[in-house]
Amino acid sequence: MSRRNFNADFKTKVVLEALKEVNTLAEIANKYKIYPQQITNWKKEFLSGASSVFRKGKALSSKSEAELEKDRLMRKIGEQAIEIDFLKKRLP
């Protein structure tokens, strides 16, 4: 059997259904053709990150934006360093 990849929307749907506790894990697993242990793992992952939902969105997004800007600038520096090295070799 080949390994299947599940997107975040599917995992969220399954986890929320499991958290409602209307059906057993075995019933949910059978419904979605996955193993009950997989649902348990997804629930743990989901619940461990749940507190991030209530953090200030501005702080999280600005940190991400800052990291993205840093990455962009580092790439630019790398490109310029390559150009400088190339031009130094071309000069007599």
PDB file of N, CA and C in Angstrom:
ATOM      1  N   MET A   1       0.852  -1.175   0.000  1.00  0.00           N
ATOM      2  CA  MET A   1       0.000   0.000   0.000  1.00  0.00           C
ATOM      3  C   MET A   1       0.896   1.236   0.000  1.00  0.00           C
ATOM      4  N   SER A   2       0.608   2.199  -0.856  1.00  0.00           N
ATOM      5  CA  SER A   2       1.416   3.408  -0.927  1.00  0.00           C
ATOM      6  C   SER A   2       1.007   4.382   0.177  1.00  0.00           C
ATOM      7  N   ARG A   3       1.939   5.227   0.523  1.00  0.00           N
ATOM      8  CA  ARG A   3       1.697   6.214   1.574  1.00  0.00           C
ATOM      9  C   ARG A   3       0.791   7.325   1.044  1.00  0.00           C
ATOM     10  N   ARG A   4      -0.229   7.674   1.816  1.00  0.00           N
ATOM     11  CA  ARG A   4      -1.150   8.733   1.403  1.00  0.00           C
ATOM     12  C   ARG A   4      -0.827  10.009   2.177  1.00  0.00           C
ATOM     13  N   ASN A   5      -0.976  11.128   1.514  1.00  0.00           N
ATOM     14  CA  ASN A   5      -0.803  12.426   2.155  1.00  0.00           C
ATOM     15  C   ASN A   5      -2.164  13.091   2.276  1.00  0.00           C
ATOM     16  N   PHE A   6      -2.412  13.670   3.440  1.00  0.00           N
ATOM     17  CA  PHE A   6      -3.684  14.321   3.690  1.00  0.00           C
ATOM     18  C   PHE A   6      -3.447  15.813   3.875  1.00  0.00           C
ATOM     19  N   ASN A   7      -4.322  16.626   3.288  1.00  0.00           N
ATOM     20  CA  ASN A   7      -4.154  18.069   3.430  1.00  0.00           C
ATOM     21  C   ASN A   7      -4.698  18.536   4.780  1.00  0.00           C
ATOM     22  N   ALA A   8      -4.387  19.777   5.120  1.00  0.00           N
ATOM     23  CA  ALA A   8      -4.764  20.330   6.422  1.00  0.00           C
ATOM     24  C   ALA A   8      -6.271  20.384   6.612  1.00  0.00           C
ATOM     25  N   ASP A   9      -7.013  20.670   5.549  1.00  0.00           N
ATOM     26  CA  ASP A   9      -8.471  20.739   5.665  1.00  0.00           C
ATOM     27  C   ASP A   9      -9.061  19.379   6.041  1.00  0.00           C
ATOM     28  N   PHE A  10      -8.563  18.331   5.417  1.00  0.00           N
ATOM     29  CA  PHE A  10      -9.052  16.981   5.715  1.00  0.00           C
ATOM     30  C   PHE A  10      -8.738  16.615   7.170  1.00  0.00           C
ATOM     31  N   LYS A  11      -7.487  16.876   7.593  1.00  0.00           N
ATOM     32  CA  LYS A  11      -7.086  16.547   8.963  1.00  0.00           C
ATOM     33  C   LYS A  11      -7.950  17.301   9.973  1.00  0.00           C
ATOM     34  N   THR A  12      -8.193  18.583   9.706  1.00  0.00           N
ATOM     35  CA  THR A  12      -9.005  19.394  10.603  1.00  0.00           C
ATOM     36  C   THR A  12     -10.418  18.841  10.703  1.00  0.00           C
ATOM     37  N   LYS A  13     -10.975  18.472   9.561  1.00  0.00           N
ATOM     38  CA  LYS A  13     -12.328  17.904   9.521  1.00  0.00           C
ATOM     39  C   LYS A  13     -12.412  16.643  10.382  1.00  0.00           C
ATOM     40  N   VAL A  14     -11.437  15.764  10.233  1.00  0.00           N
ATOM     41  CA  VAL A  14     -11.428  14.500  10.985  1.00  0.00           C
ATOM     42  C   VAL A  14     -11.240  14.772  12.478  1.00  0.00           C
ATOM     43  N   VAL A  15     -10.292  15.651  12.816  1.00  0.00           N
ATOM     44  CA  VAL A  15     -10.018  15.949  14.222  1.00  0.00           C
ATOM     45  C   VAL A  15     -11.232  16.578  14.900  1.00  0.00           C
ATOM     46  N   LEU A  16     -11.878  17.517  14.237  1.00  0.00           N
ATOM     47  CA  LEU A  16     -13.058  18.148  14.837  1.00  0.00           C
ATOM     48  C   LEU A  16     -14.174  17.130  15.055  1.00  0.00           C
ATOM     49  N   GLU A  17     -14.319  16.230  14.119  1.00  0.00           N
ATOM     50  CA  GLU A  17     -15.327  15.172  14.290  1.00  0.00           C
ATOM     51  C   GLU A  17     -14.964  14.287  15.478  1.00  0.00           C
ATOM     52  N   ALA A  18     -13.679  13.986  15.634  1.00  0.00           N
ATOM     53  CA  ALA A  18     -13.238  13.163  16.761  1.00  0.00           C
ATOM     54  C   ALA A  18     -13.423  13.892  18.083  1.00  0.00           C
ATOM     55  N   LEU A  19     -13.185  15.189  18.096  1.00  0.00           N
ATOM     56  CA  LEU A  19     -13.335  15.962  19.326  1.00  0.00           C
ATOM     57  C   LEU A  19     -14.789  16.078  19.770  1.00  0.00           C
ATOM     58  N   LYS A  20     -15.713  16.005  18.831  1.00  0.00           N
ATOM     59  CA  LYS A  20     -17.138  16.060  19.181  1.00  0.00           C
ATOM     60  C   LYS A  20     -17.562  14.822  19.963  1.00  0.00           C
ATOM     61  N   GLU A  21     -16.843  13.710  19.769  1.00  0.00           N
ATOM     62  CA  GLU A  21     -17.088  12.443  20.454  1.00  0.00           C
ATOM     63  C   GLU A  21     -18.493  11.902  20.243  1.00  0.00           C
ATOM     64  N   VAL A  22     -19.056  12.154  19.057  1.00  0.00           N
ATOM     65  CA  VAL A  22     -20.353  11.582  18.716  1.00  0.00           C
ATOM     66  C   VAL A  22     -20.142  10.125  18.293  1.00  0.00           C
ATOM     67  N   ASN A  23     -19.064   9.891  17.544  1.00  0.00           N
ATOM     68  CA  ASN A  23     -18.703   8.543  17.104  1.00  0.00           C
ATOM     69  C   ASN A  23     -17.380   8.140  17.740  1.00  0.00           C
ATOM     70  N   THR A  24     -17.131   6.843  17.766  1.00  0.00           N
ATOM     71  CA  THR A  24     -15.859   6.362  18.306  1.00  0.00           C
ATOM     72  C   THR A  24     -14.752   6.605  17.280  1.00  0.00           C
ATOM     73  N   LEU A  25     -13.513   6.534  17.742  1.00  0.00           N
ATOM     74  CA  LEU A  25     -12.385   6.681  16.826  1.00  0.00           C
ATOM     75  C   LEU A  25     -12.414   5.597  15.749  1.00  0.00           C
ATOM     76  N   ALA A  26     -12.797   4.405  16.140  1.00  0.00           N
ATOM     77  CA  ALA A  26     -12.869   3.306  15.174  1.00  0.00           C
ATOM     78  C   ALA A  26     -13.899   3.604  14.084  1.00  0.00           C
ATOM     79  N   GLU A  27     -15.031   4.159  14.457  1.00  0.00           N
ATOM     80  CA  GLU A  27     -16.061   4.492  13.472  1.00  0.00           C
ATOM     81  C   GLU A  27     -15.592   5.600  12.530  1.00  0.00           C
ATOM     82  N   ILE A  28     -14.952   6.610  13.101  1.00  0.00           N
ATOM     83  CA  ILE A  28     -14.441   7.707  12.269  1.00  0.00           C
ATOM     84  C   ILE A  28     -13.344   7.199  11.343  1.00  0.00           C
ATOM     85  N   ALA A  29     -12.456   6.373  11.881  1.00  0.00           N
ATOM     86  CA  ALA A  29     -11.367   5.809  11.075  1.00  0.00           C
ATOM     87  C   ALA A  29     -11.922   4.981   9.925  1.00  0.00           C
ATOM     88  N   ASN A  30     -12.924   4.198  10.199  1.00  0.00           N
ATOM     89  CA  ASN A  30     -13.549   3.379   9.157  1.00  0.00           C
ATOM     90  C   ASN A  30     -14.215   4.265   8.104  1.00  0.00           C
ATOM     91  N   LYS A  31     -14.872   5.311   8.550  1.00  0.00           N
ATOM     92  CA  LYS A  31     -15.556   6.232   7.638  1.00  0.00           C
ATOM     93  C   LYS A  31     -14.577   6.870   6.652  1.00  0.00           C
ATOM     94  N   TYR A  32     -13.404   7.281   7.153  1.00  0.00           N
ATOM     95  CA  TYR A  32     -12.429   7.975   6.311  1.00  0.00           C
ATOM     96  C   TYR A  32     -11.305   7.070   5.792  1.00  0.00           C
ATOM     97  N   LYS A  33     -11.394   5.787   6.104  1.00  0.00           N
ATOM     98  CA  LYS A  33     -10.403   4.799   5.639  1.00  0.00           C
ATOM     99  C   LYS A  33      -8.990   5.146   6.110  1.00  0.00           C
ATOM    100  N   ILE A  34      -8.875   5.448   7.403  1.00  0.00           N
ATOM    101  CA  ILE A  34      -7.573   5.697   8.019  1.00  0.00           C
ATOM    102  C   ILE A  34      -7.503   4.926   9.330  1.00  0.00           C
ATOM    103  N   TYR A  35      -6.318   4.857   9.917  1.00  0.00           N
ATOM    104  CA  TYR A  35      -6.146   4.136  11.171  1.00  0.00           C
ATOM    105  C   TYR A  35      -6.552   5.012  12.363  1.00  0.00           C
ATOM    106  N   PRO A  36      -7.143   4.418  13.397  1.00  0.00           N
ATOM    107  CA  PRO A  36      -7.517   5.186  14.593  1.00  0.00           C
ATOM    108  C   PRO A  36      -6.315   5.892  15.229  1.00  0.00           C
ATOM    109  N   GLN A  37      -5.146   5.248  15.192  1.00  0.00           N
ATOM    110  CA  GLN A  37      -3.947   5.864  15.766  1.00  0.00           C
ATOM    111  C   GLN A  37      -3.596   7.157  15.041  1.00  0.00           C
ATOM    112  N   GLN A  38      -3.859   7.207  13.748  1.00  0.00           N
ATOM    113  CA  GLN A  38      -3.588   8.426  12.977  1.00  0.00           C
ATOM    114  C   GLN A  38      -4.456   9.574  13.479  1.00  0.00           C
ATOM    115  N   ILE A  39      -5.704   9.276  13.780  1.00  0.00           N
ATOM    116  CA  ILE A  39      -6.610  10.300  14.316  1.00  0.00           C
ATOM    117  C   ILE A  39      -6.095  10.776  15.674  1.00  0.00           C
ATOM    118  N   THR A  40      -5.645   9.853  16.503  1.00  0.00           N
ATOM    119  CA  THR A  40      -5.096  10.212  17.809  1.00  0.00           C
ATOM    120  C   THR A  40      -3.885  11.122  17.654  1.00  0.00           C
ATOM    121  N   ASN A  41      -3.010  10.805  16.717  1.00  0.00           N
ATOM    122  CA  ASN A  41      -1.826  11.635  16.477  1.00  0.00           C
ATOM    123  C   ASN A  41      -2.223  13.030  16.010  1.00  0.00           C
ATOM    124  N   TRP A  42      -3.175  13.109  15.095  1.00  0.00           N
ATOM    125  CA  TRP A  42      -3.640  14.400  14.591  1.00  0.00           C
ATOM    126  C   TRP A  42      -4.282  15.220  15.705  1.00  0.00           C
ATOM    127  N   LYS A  43      -5.045  14.540  16.588  1.00  0.00           N
ATOM    128  CA  LYS A  43      -5.672  15.247  17.711  1.00  0.00           C
ATOM    129  C   LYS A  43      -4.619  15.857  18.616  1.00  0.00           C
ATOM    130  N   LYS A  44      -3.576  15.097  18.936  1.00  0.00           N
ATOM    131  CA  LYS A  44      -2.503  15.605  19.796  1.00  0.00           C
ATOM    132  C   LYS A  44      -1.836  16.809  19.148  1.00  0.00           C
ATOM    133  N   GLU A  45      -1.539  16.701  17.859  1.00  0.00           N
ATOM    134  CA  GLU A  45      -0.895  17.803  17.136  1.00  0.00           C
ATOM    135  C   GLU A  45      -1.801  19.033  17.116  1.00  0.00           C
ATOM    136  N   PHE A  46      -3.065  18.807  16.858  1.00  0.00           N
ATOM    137  CA  PHE A  46      -4.045  19.888  16.803  1.00  0.00           C
ATOM    138  C   PHE A  46      -4.155  20.596  18.146  1.00  0.00           C
ATOM    139  N   LEU A  47      -4.293  19.834  19.209  1.00  0.00           N
ATOM    140  CA  LEU A  47      -4.473  20.408  20.534  1.00  0.00           C
ATOM    141  C   LEU A  47      -3.203  21.097  21.034  1.00  0.00           C
ATOM    142  N   SER A  48      -2.036  20.601  20.649  1.00  0.00           N
ATOM    143  CA  SER A  48      -0.794  21.235  21.093  1.00  0.00           C
ATOM    144  C   SER A  48      -0.612  22.609  20.451  1.00  0.00           C
ATOM    145  N   GLY A  49      -1.190  22.822  19.266  1.00  0.00           N
ATOM    146  CA  GLY A  49      -1.071  24.112  18.604  1.00  0.00           C
ATOM    147  C   GLY A  49      -2.290  24.998  18.767  1.00  0.00           C
ATOM    148  N   ALA A  50      -3.276  24.533  19.503  1.00  0.00           N
ATOM    149  CA  ALA A  50      -4.539  25.274  19.625  1.00  0.00           C
ATOM    150  C   ALA A  50      -4.374  26.624  20.307  1.00  0.00           C
ATOM    151  N   SER A  51      -3.455  26.736  21.244  1.00  0.00           N
ATOM    152  CA  SER A  51      -3.296  28.005  21.967  1.00  0.00           C
ATOM    153  C   SER A  51      -2.806  29.122  21.049  1.00  0.00           C
ATOM    154  N   SER A  52      -2.168  28.779  19.942  1.00  0.00           N
ATOM    155  CA  SER A  52      -1.676  29.807  19.016  1.00  0.00           C
ATOM    156  C   SER A  52      -2.822  30.573  18.360  1.00  0.00           C
ATOM    157  N   VAL A  53      -4.006  29.989  18.343  1.00  0.00           N
ATOM    158  CA  VAL A  53      -5.164  30.662  17.768  1.00  0.00           C
ATOM    159  C   VAL A  53      -5.508  31.911  18.561  1.00  0.00           C
ATOM    160  N   PHE A  54      -5.261  31.887  19.864  1.00  0.00           N
ATOM    161  CA  PHE A  54      -5.650  32.986  20.732  1.00  0.00           C
ATOM    162  C   PHE A  54      -4.536  33.996  20.970  1.00  0.00           C
ATOM    163  N   ARG A  55      -3.370  33.767  20.372  1.00  0.00           N
ATOM    164  CA  ARG A  55      -2.299  34.756  20.472  1.00  0.00           C
ATOM    165  C   ARG A  55      -2.626  35.917  19.553  1.00  0.00           C
ATOM    166  N   LYS A  56      -2.017  37.029  19.812  1.00  0.00           N
ATOM    167  CA  LYS A  56      -2.256  38.208  18.981  1.00  0.00           C
ATOM    168  C   LYS A  56      -1.775  37.927  17.565  1.00  0.00           C
ATOM    169  N   GLY A  57      -2.682  38.043  16.619  1.00  0.00           N
ATOM    170  CA  GLY A  57      -2.373  37.761  15.230  1.00  0.00           C
ATOM    171  C   GLY A  57      -1.329  38.692  14.664  1.00  0.00           C
ATOM    172  N   LYS A  58      -1.301  39.932  15.124  1.00  0.00           N
ATOM    173  CA  LYS A  58      -0.355  40.918  14.621  1.00  0.00           C
ATOM    174  C   LYS A  58       1.071  40.490  14.940  1.00  0.00           C
ATOM    175  N   ALA A  59       1.314  40.016  16.146  1.00  0.00           N
ATOM    176  CA  ALA A  59       2.666  39.633  16.552  1.00  0.00           C
ATOM    177  C   ALA A  59       3.159  38.443  15.736  1.00  0.00           C
ATOM    178  N   LEU A  60       2.271  37.495  15.508  1.00  0.00           N
ATOM    179  CA  LEU A  60       2.667  36.322  14.736  1.00  0.00           C
ATOM    180  C   LEU A  60       2.952  36.686  13.290  1.00  0.00           C
ATOM    181  N   SER A  61       2.090  37.495  12.699  1.00  0.00           N
ATOM    182  CA  SER A  61       2.272  37.816  11.293  1.00  0.00           C
ATOM    183  C   SER A  61       3.467  38.728  11.086  1.00  0.00           C
ATOM    184  N   SER A  62       3.718  39.665  12.026  1.00  0.00           N
ATOM    185  CA  SER A  62       4.862  40.555  11.857  1.00  0.00           C
ATOM    186  C   SER A  62       6.163  39.783  11.999  1.00  0.00           C
ATOM    187  N   LYS A  63       6.187  38.778  12.857  1.00  0.00           N
ATOM    188  CA  LYS A  63       7.379  37.948  12.987  1.00  0.00           C
ATOM    189  C   LYS A  63       7.616  37.197  11.686  1.00  0.00           C
ATOM    190  N   SER A  64       6.583  36.657  11.139  1.00  0.00           N
ATOM    191  CA  SER A  64       6.704  35.943   9.873  1.00  0.00           C
ATOM    192  C   SER A  64       7.142  36.890   8.768  1.00  0.00           C
ATOM    193  N   GLU A  65       6.587  38.091   8.752  1.00  0.00           N
ATOM    194  CA  GLU A  65       6.967  39.068   7.747  1.00  0.00           C
ATOM    195  C   GLU A  65       8.425  39.463   7.912  1.00  0.00           C
ATOM    196  N   ALA A  66       8.868  39.610   9.150  1.00  0.00           N
ATOM    197  CA  ALA A  66      10.258  39.964   9.408  1.00  0.00           C
ATOM    198  C   ALA A  66      11.194  38.857   8.932  1.00  0.00           C
ATOM    199  N   GLU A  67      10.811  37.615   9.191  1.00  0.00           N
ATOM    200  CA  GLU A  67      11.626  36.492   8.734  1.00  0.00           C
ATOM    201  C   GLU A  67      11.665  36.432   7.217  1.00  0.00           C
ATOM    202  N   LEU A  68      10.535  36.674   6.582  1.00  0.00           N
ATOM    203  CA  LEU A  68      10.499  36.683   5.121  1.00  0.00           C
ATOM    204  C   LEU A  68      11.371  37.791   4.546  1.00  0.00           C
ATOM    205  N   GLU A  69      11.325  38.956   5.157  1.00  0.00           N
ATOM    206  CA  GLU A  69      12.148  40.085   4.698  1.00  0.00           C
ATOM    207  C   GLU A  69      13.628  39.773   4.880  1.00  0.00           C
ATOM    208  N   LYS A  70      13.972  39.157   6.009  1.00  0.00           N
ATOM    209  CA  LYS A  70      15.366  38.768   6.249  1.00  0.00           C
ATOM    210  C   LYS A  70      15.835  37.771   5.191  1.00  0.00           C
ATOM    211  N   ASP A  71      15.012  36.778   4.890  1.00  0.00           N
ATOM    212  CA  ASP A  71      15.355  35.797   3.857  1.00  0.00           C
ATOM    213  C   ASP A  71      15.541  36.462   2.498  1.00  0.00           C
ATOM    214  N   ARG A  72      14.653  37.401   2.174  1.00  0.00           N
ATOM    215  CA  ARG A  72      14.742  38.094   0.892  1.00  0.00           C
ATOM    216  C   ARG A  72      16.044  38.886   0.801  1.00  0.00           C
ATOM    217  N   LEU A  73      16.376  39.595   1.890  1.00  0.00           N
ATOM    218  CA  LEU A  73      17.600  40.381   1.905  1.00  0.00           C
ATOM    219  C   LEU A  73      18.849  39.495   1.838  1.00  0.00           C
ATOM    220  N   MET A  74      18.820  38.368   2.521  1.00  0.00           N
ATOM    221  CA  MET A  74      19.965  37.455   2.479  1.00  0.00           C
ATOM    222  C   MET A  74      20.160  36.892   1.063  1.00  0.00           C
ATOM    223  N   ARG A  75      19.067  36.595   0.383  1.00  0.00           N
ATOM    224  CA  ARG A  75      19.170  36.127  -1.015  1.00  0.00           C
ATOM    225  C   ARG A  75      19.769  37.214  -1.894  1.00  0.00           C
ATOM    226  N   LYS A  76      19.315  38.437  -1.676  1.00  0.00           N
ATOM    227  CA  LYS A  76      19.816  39.568  -2.461  1.00  0.00           C
ATOM    228  C   LYS A  76      21.315  39.754  -2.230  1.00  0.00           C
ATOM    229  N   ILE A  77      21.759  39.660  -0.979  1.00  0.00           N
ATOM    230  CA  ILE A  77      23.185  39.779  -0.659  1.00  0.00           C
ATOM    231  C   ILE A  77      23.968  38.668  -1.348  1.00  0.00           C
ATOM    232  N   GLY A  78      23.425  37.463  -1.327  1.00  0.00           N
ATOM    233  CA  GLY A  78      24.089  36.341  -1.992  1.00  0.00           C
ATOM    234  C   GLY A  78      24.220  36.564  -3.484  1.00  0.00           C
ATOM    235  N   GLU A  79      23.154  37.060  -4.103  1.00  0.00           N
ATOM    236  CA  GLU A  79      23.197  37.330  -5.544  1.00  0.00           C
ATOM    237  C   GLU A  79      24.238  38.399  -5.863  1.00  0.00           C
ATOM    238  N   GLN A  80      24.286  39.443  -5.038  1.00  0.00           N
ATOM    239  CA  GLN A  80      25.237  40.515  -5.273  1.00  0.00           C
ATOM    240  C   GLN A  80      26.673  40.038  -5.070  1.00  0.00           C
ATOM    241  N   ALA A  81      26.886  39.167  -4.099  1.00  0.00           N
ATOM    242  CA  ALA A  81      28.227  38.625  -3.870  1.00  0.00           C
ATOM    243  C   ALA A  81      28.689  37.816  -5.077  1.00  0.00           C
ATOM    244  N   ILE A  82      27.793  37.052  -5.662  1.00  0.00           N
ATOM    245  CA  ILE A  82      28.128  36.272  -6.860  1.00  0.00           C
ATOM    246  C   ILE A  82      28.460  37.206  -8.013  1.00  0.00           C
ATOM    247  N   GLU A  83      27.669  38.252  -8.184  1.00  0.00           N
ATOM    248  CA  GLU A  83      27.926  39.226  -9.255  1.00  0.00           C
ATOM    249  C   GLU A  83      29.280  39.907  -9.068  1.00  0.00           C
ATOM    250  N   ILE A  84      29.596  40.287  -7.837  1.00  0.00           N
ATOM    251  CA  ILE A  84      30.879  40.939  -7.560  1.00  0.00           C
ATOM    252  C   ILE A  84      32.033  40.005  -7.890  1.00  0.00           C
ATOM    253  N   ASP A  85      31.926  38.742  -7.440  1.00  0.00           N
ATOM    254  CA  ASP A  85      32.976  37.769  -7.746  1.00  0.00           C
ATOM    255  C   ASP A  85      33.144  37.594  -9.250  1.00  0.00           C
ATOM    256  N   PHE A  86      32.051  37.527  -9.967  1.00  0.00           N
ATOM    257  CA  PHE A  86      32.098  37.376 -11.425  1.00  0.00           C
ATOM    258  C   PHE A  86      32.799  38.576 -12.059  1.00  0.00           C
ATOM    259  N   LEU A  87      32.407  39.779 -11.634  1.00  0.00           N
ATOM    260  CA  LEU A  87      32.995  40.994 -12.217  1.00  0.00           C
ATOM    261  C   LEU A  87      34.467  41.128 -11.874  1.00  0.00           C
ATOM    262  N   LYS A  88      34.865  40.722 -10.668  1.00  0.00           N
ATOM    263  CA  LYS A  88      36.292  40.773 -10.301  1.00  0.00           C
ATOM    264  C   LYS A  88      37.121  39.876 -11.226  1.00  0.00           C
ATOM    265  N   LYS A  89      36.582  38.729 -11.575  1.00  0.00           N
ATOM    266  CA  LYS A  89      37.297  37.795 -12.455  1.00  0.00           C
ATOM    267  C   LYS A  89      37.378  38.339 -13.878  1.00  0.00           C
ATOM    268  N   ARG A  90      36.409  39.121 -14.287  1.00  0.00           N
ATOM    269  CA  ARG A  90      36.357  39.658 -15.654  1.00  0.00           C
ATOM    270  C   ARG A  90      37.285  40.852 -15.838  1.00  0.00           C
ATOM    271  N   LEU A  91      37.600  41.562 -14.746  1.00  0.00           N
ATOM    272  CA  LEU A  91      38.455  42.733 -14.842  1.00  0.00           C
ATOM    273  C   LEU A  91      39.907  42.300 -14.971  1.00  0.00           C
ATOM    274  N   PRO A  92      40.713  43.057 -15.790  1.00  0.00           N
ATOM    275  CA  PRO A  92      42.146  42.694 -15.938  1.00  0.00           C
ATOM    276  C   PRO A  92      42.977  43.014 -14.726  1.00  0.00           C
TER     277      PRO A  92
END
